[in-house]
Amino acid sequence: MIRILYFAGLRETFGIEVEDMALPAPPTVTQLIDQLRQRGTPWSDSLAPGRRWRVAVNHEMSPLDQVLADGDEVAFFPPVTGG
């Protein structure tokens, strides 16, 4: 089981802040994204290739090929800018 967190515009678009999901082991971040896209709109639109969003696993920026483990926390959020 992994915990998925959605922040900012993604949280508003999906209408959910956090969810727990069981995935086949060992999944990668890409496989998780593919599964979320299969939910249809707005998931497929918001997580489409070329859209701007970031992903972190256990509070660290993550590549899409990172393998997930039971108990991991995956966070999706838009890029952040500041000044």
N, C-alpha and C. Protein backbone atom coordinates (compact mmCIF):
# COMPACT_ATOMS: atom_id res chain seq x y z
N MET A 1 0.85 -1.17 0.00
CA MET A 1 0.00 0.00 0.00
C MET A 1 0.90 1.24 0.00
N ILE A 2 0.58 2.18 -0.88
CA ILE A 2 1.28 3.46 -0.88
C ILE A 2 0.27 4.56 -0.59
N ARG A 3 0.76 5.67 -0.11
CA ARG A 3 -0.08 6.84 0.14
C ARG A 3 0.23 7.87 -0.93
N ILE A 4 -0.80 8.43 -1.55
CA ILE A 4 -0.64 9.43 -2.59
C ILE A 4 -1.22 10.74 -2.11
N LEU A 5 -0.45 11.81 -2.25
CA LEU A 5 -0.86 13.15 -1.86
C LEU A 5 -0.92 14.03 -3.11
N TYR A 6 -1.94 14.88 -3.18
CA TYR A 6 -2.10 15.81 -4.29
C TYR A 6 -2.10 17.22 -3.72
N PHE A 7 -1.36 18.12 -4.34
CA PHE A 7 -1.23 19.48 -3.84
C PHE A 7 -1.69 20.52 -4.85
N ALA A 8 -2.07 21.67 -4.34
CA ALA A 8 -2.41 22.87 -5.11
C ALA A 8 -3.47 22.56 -6.17
N GLY A 9 -3.22 22.96 -7.41
CA GLY A 9 -4.20 22.81 -8.48
C GLY A 9 -4.59 21.36 -8.74
N LEU A 10 -3.66 20.43 -8.56
CA LEU A 10 -4.01 19.02 -8.77
C LEU A 10 -5.02 18.56 -7.73
N ARG A 11 -4.85 18.97 -6.50
CA ARG A 11 -5.82 18.62 -5.45
C ARG A 11 -7.20 19.17 -5.80
N GLU A 12 -7.23 20.39 -6.28
CA GLU A 12 -8.52 21.01 -6.64
C GLU A 12 -9.14 20.32 -7.84
N THR A 13 -8.34 20.01 -8.84
CA THR A 13 -8.84 19.36 -10.05
C THR A 13 -9.39 17.96 -9.77
N PHE A 14 -8.66 17.18 -8.96
CA PHE A 14 -9.06 15.81 -8.68
C PHE A 14 -10.11 15.73 -7.58
N GLY A 15 -10.22 16.78 -6.77
CA GLY A 15 -11.18 16.78 -5.67
C GLY A 15 -10.79 15.83 -4.55
N ILE A 16 -9.49 15.58 -4.42
CA ILE A 16 -9.00 14.67 -3.39
C ILE A 16 -7.63 15.15 -2.94
N GLU A 17 -7.37 15.04 -1.66
CA GLU A 17 -6.09 15.48 -1.10
C GLU A 17 -5.14 14.31 -0.87
N VAL A 18 -5.70 13.18 -0.44
CA VAL A 18 -4.87 12.02 -0.11
C VAL A 18 -5.66 10.75 -0.37
N GLU A 19 -4.95 9.71 -0.82
CA GLU A 19 -5.57 8.40 -0.97
C GLU A 19 -4.52 7.32 -0.78
N ASP A 20 -4.97 6.15 -0.38
CA ASP A 20 -4.10 4.99 -0.26
C ASP A 20 -4.43 4.06 -1.41
N MET A 21 -3.38 3.46 -2.00
CA MET A 21 -3.58 2.61 -3.15
C MET A 21 -2.67 1.39 -3.09
N ALA A 22 -3.23 0.24 -3.38
CA ALA A 22 -2.44 -0.98 -3.50
C ALA A 22 -2.06 -1.13 -4.96
N LEU A 23 -0.80 -1.42 -5.22
CA LEU A 23 -0.31 -1.61 -6.58
C LEU A 23 0.46 -2.90 -6.67
N PRO A 24 0.54 -3.47 -7.89
CA PRO A 24 1.37 -4.66 -8.04
C PRO A 24 2.81 -4.33 -7.68
N ALA A 25 3.48 -5.25 -7.05
CA ALA A 25 4.85 -4.97 -6.60
C ALA A 25 5.85 -5.51 -7.61
N PRO A 26 6.98 -4.89 -7.78
CA PRO A 26 7.28 -3.52 -7.35
C PRO A 26 6.95 -2.53 -8.46
N PRO A 27 6.01 -1.65 -8.27
CA PRO A 27 5.65 -0.67 -9.30
C PRO A 27 6.67 0.47 -9.36
N THR A 28 6.70 1.14 -10.49
CA THR A 28 7.50 2.36 -10.62
C THR A 28 6.55 3.55 -10.56
N VAL A 29 7.11 4.74 -10.43
CA VAL A 29 6.30 5.96 -10.47
C VAL A 29 5.55 6.03 -11.79
N THR A 30 6.19 5.66 -12.89
CA THR A 30 5.53 5.68 -14.19
C THR A 30 4.31 4.76 -14.21
N GLN A 31 4.43 3.58 -13.63
CA GLN A 31 3.30 2.66 -13.58
C GLN A 31 2.16 3.21 -12.74
N LEU A 32 2.49 3.90 -11.67
CA LEU A 32 1.47 4.56 -10.85
C LEU A 32 0.76 5.62 -11.67
N ILE A 33 1.51 6.45 -12.37
CA ILE A 33 0.92 7.51 -13.19
C ILE A 33 0.02 6.90 -14.26
N ASP A 34 0.47 5.83 -14.90
CA ASP A 34 -0.35 5.16 -15.92
C ASP A 34 -1.67 4.67 -15.32
N GLN A 35 -1.61 4.12 -14.13
CA GLN A 35 -2.84 3.64 -13.48
C GLN A 35 -3.77 4.80 -13.16
N LEU A 36 -3.22 5.92 -12.70
CA LEU A 36 -4.05 7.09 -12.42
C LEU A 36 -4.67 7.64 -13.70
N ARG A 37 -3.92 7.67 -14.79
CA ARG A 37 -4.45 8.16 -16.07
C ARG A 37 -5.61 7.32 -16.56
N GLN A 38 -5.61 6.04 -16.23
CA GLN A 38 -6.69 5.15 -16.68
C GLN A 38 -8.03 5.50 -16.05
N ARG A 39 -8.03 6.35 -15.05
CA ARG A 39 -9.28 6.80 -14.44
C ARG A 39 -10.06 7.70 -15.38
N GLY A 40 -9.41 8.20 -16.43
CA GLY A 40 -10.06 9.10 -17.37
C GLY A 40 -9.90 10.55 -16.96
N THR A 41 -10.71 11.40 -17.57
CA THR A 41 -10.65 12.83 -17.30
C THR A 41 -11.14 13.09 -15.88
N PRO A 42 -10.53 13.95 -15.10
CA PRO A 42 -9.44 14.87 -15.38
C PRO A 42 -8.04 14.28 -15.18
N TRP A 43 -7.96 13.04 -14.72
CA TRP A 43 -6.66 12.43 -14.43
C TRP A 43 -5.79 12.35 -15.66
N SER A 44 -6.35 11.84 -16.76
CA SER A 44 -5.57 11.66 -17.98
C SER A 44 -5.11 13.00 -18.54
N ASP A 45 -5.92 14.04 -18.40
CA ASP A 45 -5.54 15.36 -18.88
C ASP A 45 -4.47 16.00 -17.99
N SER A 46 -4.69 15.97 -16.70
CA SER A 46 -3.79 16.66 -15.77
C SER A 46 -2.43 15.99 -15.64
N LEU A 47 -2.36 14.67 -15.82
CA LEU A 47 -1.10 13.94 -15.70
C LEU A 47 -0.55 13.52 -17.06
N ALA A 48 -1.04 14.16 -18.11
CA ALA A 48 -0.60 13.83 -19.47
C ALA A 48 0.87 14.21 -19.68
N PRO A 49 1.55 13.47 -20.56
CA PRO A 49 2.92 13.86 -20.90
C PRO A 49 2.93 15.29 -21.42
N GLY A 50 3.93 16.03 -21.02
CA GLY A 50 4.04 17.42 -21.43
C GLY A 50 3.39 18.41 -20.48
N ARG A 51 2.51 17.94 -19.60
CA ARG A 51 1.92 18.83 -18.59
C ARG A 51 2.95 19.09 -17.51
N ARG A 52 2.84 20.22 -16.86
CA ARG A 52 3.82 20.60 -15.85
C ARG A 52 3.36 20.20 -14.46
N TRP A 53 4.05 19.20 -13.89
CA TRP A 53 3.84 18.76 -12.52
C TRP A 53 5.10 18.05 -12.08
N ARG A 54 5.25 17.91 -10.79
CA ARG A 54 6.44 17.26 -10.22
C ARG A 54 5.97 16.12 -9.32
N VAL A 55 6.88 15.22 -9.02
CA VAL A 55 6.56 14.10 -8.13
C VAL A 55 7.70 13.91 -7.13
N ALA A 56 7.32 13.64 -5.90
CA ALA A 56 8.29 13.35 -4.85
C ALA A 56 7.90 12.02 -4.20
N VAL A 57 8.90 11.25 -3.83
CA VAL A 57 8.67 10.00 -3.10
C VAL A 57 9.37 10.14 -1.76
N ASN A 58 8.59 9.99 -0.71
CA ASN A 58 9.12 10.12 0.66
C ASN A 58 9.87 11.44 0.86
N HIS A 59 9.26 12.52 0.37
CA HIS A 59 9.73 13.89 0.56
C HIS A 59 10.99 14.24 -0.24
N GLU A 60 11.32 13.44 -1.25
CA GLU A 60 12.47 13.74 -2.11
C GLU A 60 12.03 13.69 -3.56
N MET A 61 12.48 14.66 -4.36
CA MET A 61 12.16 14.67 -5.78
C MET A 61 12.53 13.32 -6.38
N SER A 62 11.69 12.84 -7.28
CA SER A 62 11.85 11.48 -7.76
C SER A 62 11.86 11.42 -9.29
N PRO A 63 12.70 10.53 -9.85
CA PRO A 63 12.60 10.24 -11.27
C PRO A 63 11.41 9.33 -11.52
N LEU A 64 10.90 9.32 -12.72
CA LEU A 64 9.72 8.52 -13.03
C LEU A 64 9.99 7.02 -13.02
N ASP A 65 11.26 6.63 -13.13
CA ASP A 65 11.57 5.19 -13.13
C ASP A 65 11.86 4.65 -11.73
N GLN A 66 11.67 5.48 -10.71
CA GLN A 66 11.92 5.03 -9.33
C GLN A 66 10.93 3.93 -8.96
N VAL A 67 11.45 2.87 -8.37
CA VAL A 67 10.61 1.76 -7.90
C VAL A 67 10.00 2.13 -6.55
N LEU A 68 8.72 1.89 -6.41
CA LEU A 68 8.02 2.19 -5.16
C LEU A 68 7.98 0.96 -4.27
N ALA A 69 7.97 1.19 -2.98
CA ALA A 69 7.91 0.11 -2.00
C ALA A 69 6.69 0.31 -1.11
N ASP A 70 6.24 -0.77 -0.52
CA ASP A 70 5.13 -0.72 0.41
C ASP A 70 5.40 0.33 1.49
N GLY A 71 4.44 1.20 1.74
CA GLY A 71 4.59 2.23 2.75
C GLY A 71 5.12 3.55 2.23
N ASP A 72 5.51 3.62 0.94
CA ASP A 72 6.01 4.88 0.40
C ASP A 72 4.91 5.93 0.32
N GLU A 73 5.32 7.18 0.37
CA GLU A 73 4.42 8.31 0.18
C GLU A 73 4.81 9.01 -1.11
N VAL A 74 3.87 9.15 -2.02
CA VAL A 74 4.10 9.77 -3.32
C VAL A 74 3.29 11.06 -3.37
N ALA A 75 3.95 12.17 -3.69
CA ALA A 75 3.28 13.46 -3.75
C ALA A 75 3.35 14.04 -5.16
N PHE A 76 2.22 14.51 -5.66
CA PHE A 76 2.16 15.18 -6.95
C PHE A 76 1.84 16.64 -6.71
N PHE A 77 2.57 17.53 -7.40
CA PHE A 77 2.35 18.96 -7.21
C PHE A 77 2.84 19.72 -8.42
N PRO A 78 2.30 20.92 -8.64
CA PRO A 78 2.79 21.74 -9.75
C PRO A 78 4.17 22.30 -9.40
N PRO A 79 4.93 22.69 -10.44
CA PRO A 79 6.23 23.32 -10.15
C PRO A 79 6.01 24.58 -9.31
N VAL A 80 6.94 24.84 -8.44
CA VAL A 80 6.83 25.98 -7.54
C VAL A 80 7.85 27.03 -7.94
N THR A 81 7.42 28.27 -7.97
CA THR A 81 8.35 29.37 -8.20
C THR A 81 8.26 30.31 -7.03
N GLY A 82 9.26 31.07 -6.85
CA GLY A 82 9.26 32.02 -5.73
C GLY A 82 10.21 33.15 -6.02
N GLY A 83 10.19 34.08 -5.13
CA GLY A 83 11.07 35.22 -5.36
C GLY A 83 11.40 35.90 -4.08
